[in-house]
N, C-alpha and C. Protein backbone atom coordinates (compact mmCIF):
# COMPACT_ATOMS: atom_id res chain seq x y z
N MET A 1 -8.63 6.09 8.12
CA MET A 1 -7.38 6.07 8.84
C MET A 1 -6.25 6.16 7.83
N ARG A 2 -5.28 6.98 8.12
CA ARG A 2 -4.14 7.14 7.21
C ARG A 2 -3.01 6.24 7.66
N TRP A 3 -2.32 5.65 6.72
CA TRP A 3 -1.24 4.71 7.01
C TRP A 3 0.09 5.25 6.51
N GLY A 4 0.33 6.52 6.75
CA GLY A 4 1.57 7.14 6.32
C GLY A 4 2.80 6.49 6.92
N TRP A 5 2.66 5.91 8.08
CA TRP A 5 3.78 5.22 8.73
C TRP A 5 4.33 4.13 7.84
N CYS A 6 3.46 3.46 7.09
CA CYS A 6 3.91 2.38 6.21
C CYS A 6 4.77 2.91 5.08
N LEU A 7 4.31 3.98 4.51
CA LEU A 7 5.00 4.49 3.33
C LEU A 7 6.20 5.35 3.67
N ALA A 8 6.27 5.84 4.90
CA ALA A 8 7.42 6.64 5.29
C ALA A 8 8.70 5.81 5.19
N LEU A 9 8.59 4.52 5.41
CA LEU A 9 9.75 3.64 5.32
C LEU A 9 10.28 3.54 3.89
N LEU A 10 9.42 3.77 2.92
CA LEU A 10 9.84 3.67 1.52
C LEU A 10 10.31 4.99 0.93
N SER A 11 10.09 6.07 1.65
CA SER A 11 10.32 7.39 1.06
C SER A 11 11.75 7.58 0.54
N GLY A 12 12.72 6.98 1.17
CA GLY A 12 14.09 7.13 0.72
C GLY A 12 14.39 6.42 -0.58
N LEU A 13 13.54 5.46 -0.97
CA LEU A 13 13.78 4.70 -2.18
C LEU A 13 12.96 5.15 -3.37
N MET A 14 12.01 6.02 -3.13
CA MET A 14 11.11 6.39 -4.21
C MET A 14 11.37 7.81 -4.68
N ALA A 15 11.17 8.01 -5.95
CA ALA A 15 11.33 9.35 -6.53
C ALA A 15 10.20 10.25 -6.04
N PRO A 16 10.44 11.55 -5.95
CA PRO A 16 9.37 12.45 -5.53
C PRO A 16 8.25 12.49 -6.56
N VAL A 17 7.09 12.82 -6.08
CA VAL A 17 5.93 12.93 -6.97
C VAL A 17 6.21 14.03 -7.99
N GLN A 18 5.89 13.75 -9.24
CA GLN A 18 6.13 14.74 -10.29
C GLN A 18 5.26 15.97 -10.05
N ALA A 19 5.86 17.11 -10.27
CA ALA A 19 5.13 18.36 -10.09
C ALA A 19 4.11 18.53 -11.21
N GLN A 20 3.00 19.18 -10.87
CA GLN A 20 1.99 19.45 -11.89
C GLN A 20 2.53 20.52 -12.83
N LEU A 21 2.05 20.51 -14.04
CA LEU A 21 2.47 21.51 -15.01
C LEU A 21 1.98 22.88 -14.55
N PRO A 22 2.85 23.89 -14.59
CA PRO A 22 2.44 25.22 -14.14
C PRO A 22 1.33 25.78 -15.02
N GLY A 23 0.41 26.44 -14.39
CA GLY A 23 -0.66 27.09 -15.13
C GLY A 23 -1.87 26.22 -15.42
N LEU A 24 -1.78 24.93 -15.19
CA LEU A 24 -2.91 24.05 -15.44
C LEU A 24 -3.58 23.67 -14.12
N PRO A 25 -4.90 23.79 -14.07
CA PRO A 25 -5.57 23.39 -12.82
C PRO A 25 -5.52 21.87 -12.67
N PRO A 26 -5.55 21.39 -11.43
CA PRO A 26 -5.55 19.93 -11.25
C PRO A 26 -6.83 19.31 -11.80
N LEU A 27 -6.71 18.10 -12.26
CA LEU A 27 -7.87 17.39 -12.78
C LEU A 27 -8.81 17.03 -11.62
N PRO A 28 -10.12 17.14 -11.85
CA PRO A 28 -11.03 16.74 -10.78
C PRO A 28 -10.95 15.24 -10.57
N SER A 29 -11.10 14.83 -9.33
CA SER A 29 -11.04 13.39 -9.10
C SER A 29 -12.44 12.81 -9.24
N LEU A 30 -12.52 11.80 -10.07
CA LEU A 30 -13.80 11.15 -10.33
C LEU A 30 -13.92 9.91 -9.46
N PRO A 31 -15.11 9.60 -8.99
CA PRO A 31 -15.25 8.39 -8.18
C PRO A 31 -14.91 7.16 -9.01
N GLN A 32 -14.11 6.28 -8.43
CA GLN A 32 -13.71 5.07 -9.12
C GLN A 32 -14.65 3.94 -8.75
N PRO A 33 -14.99 3.08 -9.72
CA PRO A 33 -15.83 1.93 -9.38
C PRO A 33 -15.04 1.00 -8.45
N VAL A 34 -15.75 0.37 -7.54
CA VAL A 34 -15.10 -0.52 -6.58
C VAL A 34 -14.73 -1.82 -7.28
N ASP A 35 -13.48 -2.18 -7.16
CA ASP A 35 -12.94 -3.41 -7.73
C ASP A 35 -13.58 -4.60 -7.00
N PRO A 36 -14.08 -5.61 -7.74
CA PRO A 36 -14.67 -6.78 -7.09
C PRO A 36 -13.71 -7.47 -6.12
N GLU A 37 -12.41 -7.43 -6.43
CA GLU A 37 -11.42 -8.03 -5.52
C GLU A 37 -11.41 -7.30 -4.18
N LEU A 38 -11.55 -5.97 -4.23
CA LEU A 38 -11.59 -5.20 -2.99
C LEU A 38 -12.86 -5.49 -2.20
N GLN A 39 -13.97 -5.68 -2.91
CA GLN A 39 -15.24 -5.97 -2.24
C GLN A 39 -15.19 -7.29 -1.49
N SER A 40 -14.45 -8.26 -2.00
CA SER A 40 -14.40 -9.57 -1.37
C SER A 40 -13.17 -9.78 -0.49
N CYS A 41 -12.31 -8.79 -0.42
CA CYS A 41 -11.03 -8.92 0.29
C CYS A 41 -11.22 -9.28 1.76
N VAL A 42 -12.06 -8.55 2.49
CA VAL A 42 -12.26 -8.81 3.92
C VAL A 42 -12.89 -10.18 4.13
N ALA A 43 -13.83 -10.54 3.28
CA ALA A 43 -14.47 -11.85 3.42
C ALA A 43 -13.46 -12.98 3.21
N ARG A 44 -12.52 -12.80 2.31
CA ARG A 44 -11.54 -13.84 2.00
C ARG A 44 -10.38 -13.89 2.99
N PHE A 45 -9.91 -12.72 3.45
CA PHE A 45 -8.67 -12.67 4.23
C PHE A 45 -8.84 -12.12 5.64
N GLY A 46 -10.02 -11.67 6.00
CA GLY A 46 -10.22 -11.02 7.29
C GLY A 46 -9.72 -9.58 7.21
N HIS A 47 -10.02 -8.79 8.22
CA HIS A 47 -9.65 -7.37 8.18
C HIS A 47 -8.13 -7.19 8.19
N THR A 48 -7.43 -7.88 9.08
CA THR A 48 -5.97 -7.74 9.14
C THR A 48 -5.33 -8.31 7.88
N GLY A 49 -5.76 -9.47 7.45
CA GLY A 49 -5.20 -10.10 6.26
C GLY A 49 -5.43 -9.27 5.01
N CYS A 50 -6.60 -8.70 4.89
CA CYS A 50 -6.91 -7.86 3.73
C CYS A 50 -6.02 -6.62 3.73
N ALA A 51 -5.90 -5.97 4.88
CA ALA A 51 -5.05 -4.78 4.97
C ALA A 51 -3.60 -5.14 4.62
N ALA A 52 -3.12 -6.26 5.13
CA ALA A 52 -1.75 -6.69 4.86
C ALA A 52 -1.55 -7.04 3.40
N ARG A 53 -2.51 -7.70 2.82
CA ARG A 53 -2.40 -8.09 1.41
C ARG A 53 -2.37 -6.86 0.50
N LEU A 54 -3.23 -5.89 0.78
CA LEU A 54 -3.24 -4.66 -0.02
C LEU A 54 -1.93 -3.90 0.14
N TYR A 55 -1.42 -3.88 1.36
CA TYR A 55 -0.14 -3.22 1.61
C TYR A 55 0.99 -3.95 0.88
N ALA A 56 0.97 -5.27 0.90
CA ALA A 56 1.99 -6.05 0.19
C ALA A 56 1.91 -5.80 -1.31
N GLN A 57 0.71 -5.71 -1.85
CA GLN A 57 0.56 -5.41 -3.28
C GLN A 57 1.20 -4.06 -3.61
N LEU A 58 0.99 -3.10 -2.73
CA LEU A 58 1.58 -1.78 -2.93
C LEU A 58 3.10 -1.87 -2.86
N LEU A 59 3.63 -2.60 -1.88
CA LEU A 59 5.08 -2.77 -1.77
C LEU A 59 5.65 -3.43 -3.02
N CYS A 60 4.96 -4.43 -3.53
CA CYS A 60 5.42 -5.12 -4.73
C CYS A 60 5.48 -4.17 -5.93
N ARG A 61 4.51 -3.28 -6.03
CA ARG A 61 4.50 -2.31 -7.14
C ARG A 61 5.55 -1.23 -6.94
N ALA A 62 5.76 -0.82 -5.69
CA ALA A 62 6.58 0.36 -5.41
C ALA A 62 8.07 0.10 -5.39
N VAL A 63 8.48 -1.03 -4.84
CA VAL A 63 9.91 -1.29 -4.66
C VAL A 63 10.60 -1.37 -6.01
N GLY A 64 11.56 -0.48 -6.18
CA GLY A 64 12.34 -0.45 -7.41
C GLY A 64 11.67 0.27 -8.57
N GLU A 65 10.50 0.83 -8.35
CA GLU A 65 9.77 1.46 -9.46
C GLU A 65 9.82 2.98 -9.42
N GLY A 66 10.26 3.59 -8.34
CA GLY A 66 10.35 5.05 -8.27
C GLY A 66 9.01 5.74 -8.25
N VAL A 67 8.03 5.19 -7.56
CA VAL A 67 6.71 5.80 -7.45
C VAL A 67 6.70 6.70 -6.23
N GLY A 68 6.05 7.85 -6.33
CA GLY A 68 6.00 8.80 -5.22
C GLY A 68 5.22 8.27 -4.02
N SER A 69 5.74 8.53 -2.82
CA SER A 69 5.11 8.00 -1.61
C SER A 69 3.74 8.61 -1.35
N GLU A 70 3.54 9.89 -1.69
CA GLU A 70 2.23 10.50 -1.48
C GLU A 70 1.18 9.82 -2.35
N GLN A 71 1.54 9.51 -3.58
CA GLN A 71 0.63 8.83 -4.49
C GLN A 71 0.28 7.45 -3.95
N LEU A 72 1.28 6.74 -3.46
CA LEU A 72 1.06 5.40 -2.92
C LEU A 72 0.19 5.44 -1.67
N GLU A 73 0.45 6.40 -0.81
CA GLU A 73 -0.34 6.54 0.41
C GLU A 73 -1.81 6.78 0.06
N GLN A 74 -2.05 7.62 -0.92
CA GLN A 74 -3.42 7.90 -1.34
C GLN A 74 -4.08 6.65 -1.92
N GLN A 75 -3.36 5.91 -2.76
CA GLN A 75 -3.91 4.69 -3.35
C GLN A 75 -4.25 3.67 -2.26
N LEU A 76 -3.35 3.51 -1.31
CA LEU A 76 -3.58 2.54 -0.24
C LEU A 76 -4.78 2.95 0.61
N ALA A 77 -4.88 4.22 0.95
CA ALA A 77 -6.02 4.70 1.73
C ALA A 77 -7.34 4.46 0.99
N GLU A 78 -7.34 4.71 -0.32
CA GLU A 78 -8.55 4.48 -1.11
C GLU A 78 -8.91 2.99 -1.15
N GLN A 79 -7.90 2.14 -1.30
CA GLN A 79 -8.17 0.71 -1.32
C GLN A 79 -8.69 0.23 0.04
N TYR A 80 -8.10 0.71 1.11
CA TYR A 80 -8.59 0.34 2.45
C TYR A 80 -10.05 0.77 2.63
N GLU A 81 -10.36 1.96 2.16
CA GLU A 81 -11.74 2.45 2.28
C GLU A 81 -12.70 1.61 1.43
N GLN A 82 -12.31 1.32 0.20
CA GLN A 82 -13.17 0.53 -0.69
C GLN A 82 -13.36 -0.89 -0.17
N ALA A 83 -12.34 -1.43 0.47
CA ALA A 83 -12.45 -2.79 1.01
C ALA A 83 -13.24 -2.81 2.31
N ALA A 84 -13.51 -1.64 2.87
CA ALA A 84 -14.28 -1.50 4.12
C ALA A 84 -13.59 -2.23 5.28
N ILE A 85 -12.29 -1.99 5.41
CA ILE A 85 -11.52 -2.62 6.48
C ILE A 85 -11.81 -1.89 7.80
N ASP A 86 -12.10 -2.67 8.82
CA ASP A 86 -12.31 -2.13 10.16
C ASP A 86 -11.00 -2.29 10.91
N PHE A 87 -10.33 -1.19 11.21
CA PHE A 87 -9.02 -1.23 11.83
C PHE A 87 -9.05 -1.29 13.35
N ARG A 88 -10.24 -1.35 13.93
CA ARG A 88 -10.30 -1.44 15.39
C ARG A 88 -9.62 -2.73 15.84
N GLY A 89 -8.67 -2.58 16.76
CA GLY A 89 -7.96 -3.73 17.30
C GLY A 89 -6.80 -4.22 16.44
N ILE A 90 -6.55 -3.57 15.32
CA ILE A 90 -5.44 -3.96 14.44
C ILE A 90 -4.31 -2.96 14.65
N THR A 91 -3.12 -3.46 14.87
CA THR A 91 -1.97 -2.57 15.03
C THR A 91 -1.22 -2.46 13.70
N PRO A 92 -0.53 -1.35 13.50
CA PRO A 92 0.29 -1.22 12.29
C PRO A 92 1.32 -2.34 12.17
N GLU A 93 1.86 -2.79 13.30
CA GLU A 93 2.85 -3.86 13.29
C GLU A 93 2.26 -5.16 12.75
N GLN A 94 1.02 -5.44 13.08
CA GLN A 94 0.37 -6.66 12.58
C GLN A 94 0.26 -6.61 11.06
N VAL A 95 -0.17 -5.49 10.54
CA VAL A 95 -0.32 -5.34 9.10
C VAL A 95 1.04 -5.42 8.41
N GLU A 96 2.00 -4.70 8.95
CA GLU A 96 3.34 -4.69 8.36
C GLU A 96 3.97 -6.09 8.37
N THR A 97 3.90 -6.77 9.49
CA THR A 97 4.50 -8.10 9.61
C THR A 97 3.88 -9.07 8.62
N ALA A 98 2.56 -9.09 8.55
CA ALA A 98 1.88 -10.01 7.63
C ALA A 98 2.21 -9.66 6.17
N ALA A 99 2.27 -8.36 5.87
CA ALA A 99 2.57 -7.94 4.49
C ALA A 99 3.98 -8.35 4.09
N VAL A 100 4.94 -8.11 4.97
CA VAL A 100 6.35 -8.35 4.65
C VAL A 100 6.70 -9.84 4.68
N ARG A 101 6.23 -10.53 5.70
CA ARG A 101 6.64 -11.93 5.88
C ARG A 101 5.79 -12.95 5.13
N TYR A 102 4.51 -12.62 4.92
CA TYR A 102 3.62 -13.62 4.34
C TYR A 102 3.17 -13.27 2.92
N TYR A 103 2.57 -12.08 2.76
CA TYR A 103 1.97 -11.76 1.47
C TYR A 103 2.96 -11.35 0.39
N SER A 104 3.98 -10.55 0.72
CA SER A 104 4.91 -10.14 -0.35
C SER A 104 5.67 -11.33 -0.95
N PRO A 105 6.10 -12.34 -0.16
CA PRO A 105 6.74 -13.49 -0.81
C PRO A 105 5.80 -14.25 -1.76
N MET A 106 4.50 -14.24 -1.46
CA MET A 106 3.53 -14.89 -2.35
C MET A 106 3.27 -14.06 -3.60
N LEU A 107 3.13 -12.75 -3.41
CA LEU A 107 2.71 -11.88 -4.51
C LEU A 107 3.85 -11.46 -5.43
N CYS A 108 5.04 -11.30 -4.88
CA CYS A 108 6.18 -10.88 -5.71
C CYS A 108 7.46 -11.49 -5.15
N PRO A 109 7.63 -12.78 -5.33
CA PRO A 109 8.80 -13.46 -4.77
C PRO A 109 10.13 -12.84 -5.21
N GLU A 110 10.16 -12.27 -6.42
CA GLU A 110 11.40 -11.69 -6.92
C GLU A 110 11.80 -10.41 -6.18
N LYS A 111 10.86 -9.77 -5.49
CA LYS A 111 11.15 -8.55 -4.73
C LYS A 111 11.10 -8.78 -3.22
N SER A 112 10.79 -9.98 -2.81
CA SER A 112 10.58 -10.29 -1.40
C SER A 112 11.81 -9.98 -0.54
N VAL A 113 12.98 -10.34 -1.00
CA VAL A 113 14.20 -10.09 -0.21
C VAL A 113 14.41 -8.59 -0.05
N GLN A 114 14.23 -7.86 -1.13
CA GLN A 114 14.40 -6.40 -1.08
C GLN A 114 13.40 -5.76 -0.13
N ILE A 115 12.16 -6.25 -0.14
CA ILE A 115 11.13 -5.70 0.76
C ILE A 115 11.50 -6.02 2.22
N ARG A 116 11.92 -7.23 2.50
CA ARG A 116 12.33 -7.58 3.87
C ARG A 116 13.47 -6.71 4.35
N GLN A 117 14.41 -6.42 3.46
CA GLN A 117 15.55 -5.59 3.83
C GLN A 117 15.12 -4.16 4.18
N LEU A 118 14.05 -3.68 3.56
CA LEU A 118 13.55 -2.35 3.90
C LEU A 118 13.10 -2.28 5.35
N PHE A 119 12.53 -3.36 5.82
CA PHE A 119 11.95 -3.38 7.16
C PHE A 119 12.89 -3.95 8.22
N ASN A 120 13.89 -4.67 7.80
CA ASN A 120 14.87 -5.27 8.72
C ASN A 120 16.28 -5.05 8.18
N PRO A 121 16.73 -3.80 8.15
CA PRO A 121 18.08 -3.56 7.60
C PRO A 121 19.14 -4.23 8.47
N SER A 122 20.16 -4.72 7.83
CA SER A 122 21.25 -5.40 8.55
C SER A 122 22.24 -4.42 9.12
């Protein structure tokens, strides 16, 4: 499942993905080993909590860093797949709310206000 809706909200704050050098073929993508944290994520936080925590980690890395939204979307999708999250019965709003209100203040308190403002502009 693609979560482009999450990253679309950040697109105005992030720099565009850098263009590949002309004339060079893209590098082949190699399978990445599964991170032990991702393997235990669902067991520790449940499916919704794991999805929200991974999304919050991405928000913490992305806000103020100028990372391209396409790159972030791909990373998040890969992490969701590696964590084996079952999205049946989970709404995007549940993931977003938990990420913004609960996990981002824990994971990056210094960026928490900025992240909340992205989702609840005044």
